[in-house]
Amino acid sequence: MSDPVLRATSAESAVVGRLLWEFNEEFSFDGPGADEFAGRFTNLLDRDDVVVLLSGSRDDPTGFAFLTLRPTPYYDGPLAQLEELYVKPHLRARGVGTALLSAAVDLVRSRHSGEIHINADEVDVDTRRFYERHGFTNIQPGEDYRMLCYIREL
């Protein structure tokens, strides 16, 4: 049985900021520190189009899923983007990531979202395998070529 999944509020912004910083540290991503993330999440978590789900407890979560929602003419509800999904390394392969992803899918489905987008690095085979095991694909339905994500820093 995996940990319970709870929706974070701005009261948990410091915890969420720390988790995002831990995620970035693990993968050697140079970015803001935990305190700066916490400050940003203080404002973001009050928005209806930003959702952070925590697994475990509010004070000491085992992982998190960070989603953004945006309007789209393709569906009655928003398009969802899973920005990050992170489980503490020593707790992986115990169903925590699956619980977070399932809760995220249920939440955006309840908002009538027609699609969830996830970006994953090509070299991150384990992450890609995890998402594919849960029904995600990088092949457009009815086509035989991969979809790609393009980025430009500003």
Protein backbone atom coordinates (compact mmCIF):
# COMPACT_ATOMS: atom_id res chain seq x y z
CA MET A 1 0.00 0.00 0.00
CA SER A 2 1.44 3.37 -0.96
CA ASP A 3 1.31 6.62 0.94
CA PRO A 4 -1.80 8.80 0.89
CA VAL A 5 -1.82 11.66 -1.65
CA LEU A 6 -2.83 15.15 -0.52
CA ARG A 7 -3.14 18.45 -2.34
CA ALA A 8 -0.58 20.99 -1.14
CA THR A 9 -1.62 24.47 -0.07
CA SER A 10 0.48 27.61 0.25
CA ALA A 11 1.08 26.54 3.87
CA GLU A 12 3.27 23.74 2.45
CA SER A 13 5.27 26.02 0.12
CA ALA A 14 8.51 25.50 2.08
CA VAL A 15 8.12 21.71 1.93
CA VAL A 16 7.35 21.81 -1.81
CA GLY A 17 10.26 24.16 -2.43
CA ARG A 18 12.61 21.81 -0.61
CA LEU A 19 11.35 18.81 -2.62
CA LEU A 20 11.86 20.59 -5.94
CA TRP A 21 15.35 21.63 -4.85
CA GLU A 22 16.16 18.01 -3.84
CA PHE A 23 14.92 16.84 -7.25
CA ASN A 24 17.16 19.35 -9.03
CA GLU A 25 20.14 18.49 -6.83
CA GLU A 26 19.79 14.78 -7.57
CA PHE A 27 19.91 15.42 -11.31
CA SER A 28 22.57 18.19 -11.11
CA PHE A 29 20.24 20.88 -12.41
CA ASP A 30 21.55 24.33 -11.54
CA GLY A 31 18.60 26.43 -10.47
CA PRO A 32 17.10 28.36 -7.58
CA GLY A 33 17.57 27.22 -4.01
CA ALA A 34 14.90 25.72 -1.77
CA ASP A 35 14.04 29.08 -0.20
CA GLU A 36 13.55 30.77 -3.57
CA PHE A 37 11.37 27.90 -4.76
CA ALA A 38 9.37 28.14 -1.51
CA GLY A 39 8.74 31.84 -2.11
CA ARG A 40 7.52 31.17 -5.62
CA PHE A 41 5.29 28.30 -4.51
CA THR A 42 3.73 30.55 -1.85
CA ASN A 43 2.06 32.43 -4.71
CA LEU A 44 1.67 29.54 -7.15
CA LEU A 45 -0.18 27.26 -4.73
CA ASP A 46 -2.95 29.83 -4.30
CA ARG A 47 -3.74 29.62 -8.03
CA ASP A 48 -6.43 27.34 -9.44
CA ASP A 49 -4.30 26.45 -12.47
CA VAL A 50 -1.37 25.13 -10.41
CA VAL A 51 -1.62 21.88 -8.46
CA VAL A 52 0.95 20.19 -6.27
CA LEU A 53 0.16 16.78 -4.85
CA LEU A 54 2.16 15.41 -1.92
CA SER A 55 2.52 11.76 -1.01
CA GLY A 56 2.93 10.78 2.62
CA SER A 57 2.42 13.56 5.15
CA ARG A 58 2.28 17.32 4.73
CA ASP A 59 5.28 17.81 7.03
CA ASP A 60 7.49 15.04 5.66
CA PRO A 61 6.26 14.00 2.20
CA THR A 62 7.72 11.06 0.33
CA GLY A 63 7.29 12.74 -3.06
CA PHE A 64 5.33 15.24 -5.11
CA ALA A 65 3.66 15.85 -8.45
CA PHE A 66 3.57 19.41 -9.81
CA LEU A 67 0.98 20.17 -12.52
CA THR A 68 -0.03 23.25 -14.42
CA LEU A 69 -3.29 23.65 -16.32
CA ARG A 70 -3.92 25.92 -19.26
CA PRO A 71 -6.88 26.69 -21.48
CA THR A 72 -7.12 25.02 -24.85
CA PRO A 73 -9.70 25.08 -27.63
CA TYR A 74 -9.27 21.33 -28.15
CA TYR A 75 -11.15 20.26 -25.00
CA ASP A 76 -13.85 21.59 -22.71
CA GLY A 77 -11.35 21.52 -19.86
CA PRO A 78 -7.71 22.52 -19.56
CA LEU A 79 -4.61 20.95 -21.03
CA ALA A 80 -2.52 19.56 -18.17
CA GLN A 81 1.27 19.59 -18.00
CA LEU A 82 3.00 17.37 -15.46
CA GLU A 83 5.91 19.68 -14.73
CA GLU A 84 7.66 17.42 -12.23
CA LEU A 85 7.12 14.12 -10.48
CA TYR A 86 9.61 13.22 -7.77
CA VAL A 87 9.89 10.44 -5.23
CA LYS A 88 12.67 10.42 -2.65
CA PRO A 89 15.33 8.01 -3.92
CA HIS A 90 15.20 5.54 -1.01
CA LEU A 91 11.42 5.17 -1.46
CA ARG A 92 11.31 4.42 -5.18
CA ALA A 93 9.82 1.20 -6.58
CA ARG A 94 7.28 1.10 -3.74
CA GLY A 95 4.25 2.51 -5.58
CA VAL A 96 4.66 6.13 -4.46
CA GLY A 97 5.18 7.45 -8.01
CA THR A 98 2.25 5.41 -9.27
CA ALA A 99 0.03 6.81 -6.50
CA LEU A 100 1.06 10.37 -7.34
CA LEU A 101 0.58 9.88 -11.08
CA SER A 102 -2.80 8.19 -10.60
CA ALA A 103 -3.98 10.99 -8.33
CA ALA A 104 -2.78 13.57 -10.87
CA VAL A 105 -4.64 11.83 -13.71
CA ASP A 106 -7.80 11.58 -11.59
CA LEU A 107 -7.62 15.25 -10.62
CA VAL A 108 -7.19 16.57 -14.17
CA ARG A 109 -9.82 14.14 -15.46
CA SER A 110 -12.25 15.59 -12.88
CA ARG A 111 -11.57 19.00 -14.44
CA HIS A 112 -12.46 17.63 -17.88
CA SER A 113 -8.90 17.86 -19.15
CA GLY A 114 -8.48 15.97 -22.39
CA GLU A 115 -4.74 15.47 -22.29
CA ILE A 116 -1.68 15.44 -20.03
CA HIS A 117 1.73 16.39 -21.39
CA ILE A 118 4.96 15.15 -19.81
CA ASN A 119 8.50 15.95 -20.89
CA ALA A 120 11.18 13.34 -20.24
CA ASP A 121 14.81 13.26 -21.25
CA GLU A 122 15.54 10.70 -23.95
CA VAL A 123 18.42 9.25 -21.92
CA ASP A 124 16.23 8.79 -18.83
CA VAL A 125 15.09 5.30 -19.76
CA ASP A 126 13.65 4.44 -16.33
CA THR A 127 11.43 7.53 -16.30
CA ARG A 128 10.25 6.92 -19.86
CA ARG A 129 9.50 3.28 -19.02
CA PHE A 130 7.53 4.40 -15.93
CA TYR A 131 5.31 6.75 -17.96
CA GLU A 132 4.85 4.27 -20.79
CA ARG A 133 3.83 1.60 -18.27
CA HIS A 134 1.09 4.01 -17.18
CA GLY A 135 -0.28 4.55 -20.69
CA PHE A 136 1.70 7.59 -21.86
CA THR A 137 3.28 7.63 -25.30
CA ASN A 138 5.37 9.92 -27.46
CA ILE A 139 3.62 8.72 -30.61
CA GLN A 140 0.61 10.70 -31.81
CA PRO A 141 -2.40 8.33 -32.07
CA GLY A 142 -2.72 7.06 -35.62
CA GLU A 143 0.83 8.05 -36.57
CA ASP A 144 4.16 6.23 -36.59
CA TYR A 145 6.60 9.00 -35.64
CA ARG A 146 7.71 10.42 -32.29
CA MET A 147 6.59 13.77 -30.92
CA LEU A 148 9.38 16.08 -29.79
CA CYS A 149 9.58 18.95 -27.34
CA TYR A 150 11.55 22.03 -28.36
CA ILE A 151 12.94 24.53 -25.85
CA ARG A 152 14.43 28.00 -26.14
CA GLU A 153 15.74 29.80 -23.08
CA LEU A 154 14.80 33.46 -22.90
